[in-house]
Amino acid sequence: MLKNKLFLVTLFLLIAAVLYYTFFDDNAGGSDESLKPEVYRQEVAAARKEKDHFLKTSAESPITDKSAFKGLVYFTPDPAYRVAARLEPFADKTQKLVVTMTDGSEEVYDKFAHAVFSLNGEACRLLVVKLDKTYSILFRDATSGKETYGGGRYIELNPDKLTDNRVILDFNTAYNPYCSYNPSYACPLPPKENSLSISIKAGEKYVAHD
């Protein structure tokens, strides 16, 4: 059983960096006043096109029948799902989280912080975990098992922006784990505390692929 990769290699770290640095001004105090929605949507669409190309052509892609792969299905990019969050770091930096994988095995992550934010009129709080140099949020929401993958989705955080106890969470970049495409992969399941009652209609939807 192959372990799921929490991010899709260097290409998607670059994509995330482009989105962060293009649309988040360090001097803006966490606001998105300078965000140009149409330009942002174009950048997200371009990043998604790159991801489809990777999944269709790369040897590291979990898609087994690449000839039949027509691309992923997404919610329309919406800047409203790109939110400023306050980080509440753990005083004890050694705290760990044992994460259950879809094959029943376990992985141990560092507990980094809680991200506190408001979305769709609701106060939200999600645990940020760290594995090696990757900072992630593994989450479920009201769309899980309906419009999106039942096992949950992930978003990655730009480590260069984890300063001053604040961060931008861009749910338009939320993606499915490899096991959603290929059962030979084992992927981490979100912790119970990362289940949101609201619908996150942003990022990747779920359609089964061979």
Protein backbone atom coordinates (compact mmCIF):
# COMPACT_ATOMS: atom_id res chain seq x y z
CA MET A 1 0.00 0.00 0.00
CA LEU A 2 1.48 3.33 -1.06
CA LYS A 3 1.33 6.28 1.28
CA ASN A 4 -0.52 9.33 0.04
CA LYS A 5 1.52 12.43 -0.68
CA LEU A 6 0.14 15.43 1.18
CA PHE A 7 0.98 17.65 -1.73
CA LEU A 8 1.48 17.02 -5.44
CA VAL A 9 5.25 17.49 -5.71
CA THR A 10 7.13 20.70 -6.45
CA LEU A 11 4.70 21.88 -9.13
CA PHE A 12 1.94 22.51 -6.62
CA LEU A 13 4.19 24.09 -4.04
CA LEU A 14 5.09 26.55 -6.79
CA ILE A 15 1.43 27.08 -7.65
CA ALA A 16 0.60 27.72 -4.00
CA ALA A 17 3.48 30.16 -3.72
CA VAL A 18 2.32 32.07 -6.81
CA LEU A 19 -1.20 32.41 -5.42
CA TYR A 20 0.05 33.52 -2.01
CA TYR A 21 2.60 36.03 -3.23
CA THR A 22 0.39 37.42 -6.00
CA PHE A 23 -2.66 38.01 -3.86
CA PHE A 24 -1.45 38.54 -0.30
CA ASP A 25 0.34 41.73 0.65
CA ASP A 26 2.31 41.44 3.92
CA ASN A 27 1.42 45.05 4.68
CA ALA A 28 -2.29 44.56 4.19
CA GLY A 29 -2.82 43.28 7.72
CA GLY A 30 -4.56 40.15 6.50
CA SER A 31 -7.18 41.91 4.38
CA ASP A 32 -7.81 41.22 0.72
CA GLU A 33 -8.69 44.76 -0.31
CA SER A 34 -6.21 44.67 -3.19
CA LEU A 35 -7.48 41.31 -4.45
CA LYS A 36 -8.79 41.51 -8.01
CA PRO A 37 -11.40 38.74 -8.23
CA GLU A 38 -11.23 38.20 -11.99
CA VAL A 39 -7.44 38.05 -12.04
CA TYR A 40 -7.53 35.69 -9.06
CA ARG A 41 -10.01 33.37 -10.82
CA GLN A 42 -7.78 33.29 -13.89
CA GLU A 43 -4.75 32.34 -11.79
CA VAL A 44 -6.66 29.57 -10.03
CA ALA A 45 -7.91 28.26 -13.38
CA ALA A 46 -4.34 28.22 -14.71
CA ALA A 47 -3.13 26.31 -11.64
CA ARG A 48 -5.90 23.75 -12.09
CA LYS A 49 -4.96 23.29 -15.73
CA GLU A 50 -1.37 22.56 -14.66
CA LYS A 51 -2.62 20.01 -12.15
CA ASP A 52 -4.73 18.24 -14.79
CA HIS A 53 -1.66 18.07 -17.04
CA PHE A 54 0.36 16.54 -14.22
CA LEU A 55 -2.29 13.93 -13.42
CA LYS A 56 -2.63 12.96 -17.08
CA THR A 57 1.06 12.76 -17.93
CA SER A 58 3.25 12.23 -14.88
CA ALA A 59 4.58 8.86 -13.77
CA GLU A 60 3.84 10.02 -10.20
CA SER A 61 0.15 10.49 -10.96
CA PRO A 62 -2.27 8.19 -9.10
CA ILE A 63 -4.57 8.05 -12.14
CA THR A 64 -4.34 4.55 -13.58
CA ASP A 65 -6.15 5.08 -16.90
CA LYS A 66 -4.60 8.33 -18.05
CA SER A 67 -5.98 8.00 -21.57
CA ALA A 68 -9.52 8.28 -20.21
CA PHE A 69 -8.75 11.08 -17.77
CA LYS A 70 -10.56 14.28 -18.80
CA GLY A 71 -9.59 16.46 -15.86
CA LEU A 72 -10.79 17.12 -12.35
CA VAL A 73 -14.07 18.79 -11.40
CA TYR A 74 -14.04 21.91 -9.23
CA PHE A 75 -16.24 24.51 -7.66
CA THR A 76 -15.98 27.87 -9.40
CA PRO A 77 -13.11 29.88 -7.86
CA ASP A 78 -14.52 32.22 -5.25
CA PRO A 79 -12.35 34.78 -3.41
CA ALA A 80 -14.83 34.62 -0.50
CA TYR A 81 -13.31 31.25 0.38
CA ARG A 82 -9.88 32.80 0.75
CA VAL A 83 -9.90 33.93 4.35
CA ALA A 84 -7.53 35.45 6.89
CA ALA A 85 -7.11 33.28 9.98
CA ARG A 86 -5.56 33.87 13.37
CA LEU A 87 -3.09 31.22 14.43
CA GLU A 88 -3.10 29.94 17.99
CA PRO A 89 0.19 28.03 18.37
CA PHE A 90 0.61 25.30 20.95
CA ALA A 91 2.65 26.35 23.96
CA ASP A 92 4.05 22.82 24.06
CA LYS A 93 5.85 22.43 20.73
CA THR A 94 6.26 18.68 21.24
CA GLN A 95 2.56 17.79 21.01
CA LYS A 96 1.81 15.04 18.51
CA LEU A 97 -1.28 13.81 16.69
CA VAL A 98 -1.70 10.17 15.72
CA VAL A 99 -3.54 10.18 12.39
CA THR A 100 -5.38 7.11 11.14
CA MET A 101 -4.82 6.18 7.51
CA THR A 102 -7.44 4.72 5.19
CA ASP A 103 -5.73 1.30 5.33
CA GLY A 104 -5.86 1.23 9.13
CA SER A 105 -2.23 2.17 9.67
CA GLU A 106 -1.16 5.31 11.53
CA GLU A 107 1.13 8.29 11.02
CA VAL A 108 2.35 10.73 13.63
CA TYR A 109 2.12 14.46 12.92
CA ASP A 110 3.25 17.48 14.89
CA LYS A 111 0.47 19.70 16.22
CA PHE A 112 1.42 23.16 14.97
CA ALA A 113 -1.49 25.49 15.78
CA HIS A 114 -5.21 26.09 15.53
CA ALA A 115 -6.41 28.37 12.75
CA VAL A 116 -9.37 30.50 13.86
CA PHE A 117 -11.45 32.32 11.27
CA SER A 118 -14.94 33.27 10.17
CA LEU A 119 -16.59 31.84 7.06
CA ASN A 120 -20.17 32.02 5.84
CA GLY A 121 -21.09 33.81 9.04
CA GLU A 122 -19.76 31.00 11.23
CA ALA A 123 -16.82 30.97 13.62
CA CYS A 124 -14.48 28.13 12.62
CA ARG A 125 -11.45 26.50 14.19
CA LEU A 126 -9.20 23.95 12.46
CA LEU A 127 -6.08 22.13 13.60
CA VAL A 128 -2.93 22.72 11.53
CA VAL A 129 -0.54 19.78 11.49
CA LYS A 130 3.05 19.47 10.35
CA LEU A 131 4.80 16.53 8.72
CA ASP A 132 8.43 17.10 7.80
CA LYS A 133 8.32 20.59 6.24
CA THR A 134 4.68 20.44 5.15
CA TYR A 135 1.97 22.35 7.04
CA SER A 136 -1.52 21.09 6.31
CA ILE A 137 -5.15 21.19 7.33
CA LEU A 138 -7.03 17.91 6.89
CA PHE A 139 -10.75 18.66 7.06
CA ARG A 140 -14.30 17.56 6.38
CA ASP A 141 -17.31 19.80 5.87
CA ALA A 142 -21.00 19.54 5.01
CA THR A 143 -20.17 18.69 1.38
CA SER A 144 -18.06 15.64 2.33
CA GLY A 145 -19.54 12.43 0.95
CA LYS A 146 -21.90 14.45 -1.23
CA GLU A 147 -20.25 16.92 -3.58
CA THR A 148 -16.75 16.23 -2.30
CA TYR A 149 -14.71 13.21 -1.25
CA GLY A 150 -16.13 11.51 1.83
CA GLY A 151 -12.71 10.92 3.33
CA GLY A 152 -12.08 14.65 3.52
CA ARG A 153 -9.89 17.13 1.69
CA TYR A 154 -6.62 18.92 2.40
CA ILE A 155 -5.19 22.39 2.06
CA GLU A 156 -1.52 23.30 2.37
CA LEU A 157 -0.13 26.39 4.07
CA ASN A 158 2.78 28.38 2.76
CA PRO A 159 5.47 28.09 5.49
CA ASP A 160 6.90 31.48 4.49
CA LYS A 161 3.58 33.08 5.50
CA LEU A 162 3.27 31.48 8.92
CA THR A 163 4.36 34.63 10.71
CA ASP A 164 2.82 37.07 13.18
CA ASN A 165 0.30 34.40 14.19
CA ARG A 166 -1.78 34.84 11.06
CA VAL A 167 -2.19 33.04 7.77
CA ILE A 168 -4.36 33.02 4.66
CA LEU A 169 -6.46 29.88 4.19
CA ASP A 170 -7.41 29.44 0.55
CA PHE A 171 -10.11 26.80 0.31
CA ASN A 172 -10.14 27.22 -3.47
CA THR A 173 -6.96 25.11 -3.35
CA ALA A 174 -8.59 22.31 -1.30
CA TYR A 175 -7.77 18.98 -2.93
CA ASN A 176 -8.54 15.29 -2.67
CA PRO A 177 -5.99 12.73 -1.44
CA TYR A 178 -4.49 10.20 -3.83
CA CYS A 179 -6.61 7.39 -2.41
CA SER A 180 -9.71 9.08 -3.83
CA TYR A 181 -8.33 8.23 -7.30
CA ASN A 182 -6.49 5.01 -6.58
CA PRO A 183 -7.24 2.57 -3.71
CA SER A 184 -3.64 1.33 -3.70
CA TYR A 185 -2.77 4.52 -1.81
CA ALA A 186 -3.32 5.02 1.92
CA CYS A 187 -4.14 8.57 2.95
CA PRO A 188 -4.59 10.34 6.28
CA LEU A 189 -8.09 10.90 7.62
CA PRO A 190 -8.96 14.28 9.15
CA PRO A 191 -9.08 14.39 12.95
CA LYS A 192 -12.58 14.59 14.44
CA GLU A 193 -12.07 18.19 15.54
CA ASN A 194 -11.58 19.23 11.91
CA SER A 195 -15.17 18.54 10.89
CA LEU A 196 -16.97 21.73 9.92
CA SER A 197 -20.76 22.02 10.00
CA ILE A 198 -20.76 24.51 7.13
CA SER A 199 -20.42 23.74 3.43
CA ILE A 200 -17.06 24.62 1.87
CA LYS A 201 -18.16 25.01 -1.74
CA ALA A 202 -14.64 25.66 -2.94
CA GLY A 203 -11.78 23.63 -4.31
CA GLU A 204 -11.97 20.15 -5.71
CA LYS A 205 -15.19 18.17 -6.05
CA TYR A 206 -15.24 14.38 -6.21
CA VAL A 207 -15.86 12.27 -9.27
CA ALA A 208 -14.55 8.71 -9.31
CA HIS A 209 -11.66 8.10 -11.74
CA ASP A 210 -10.28 4.80 -12.96
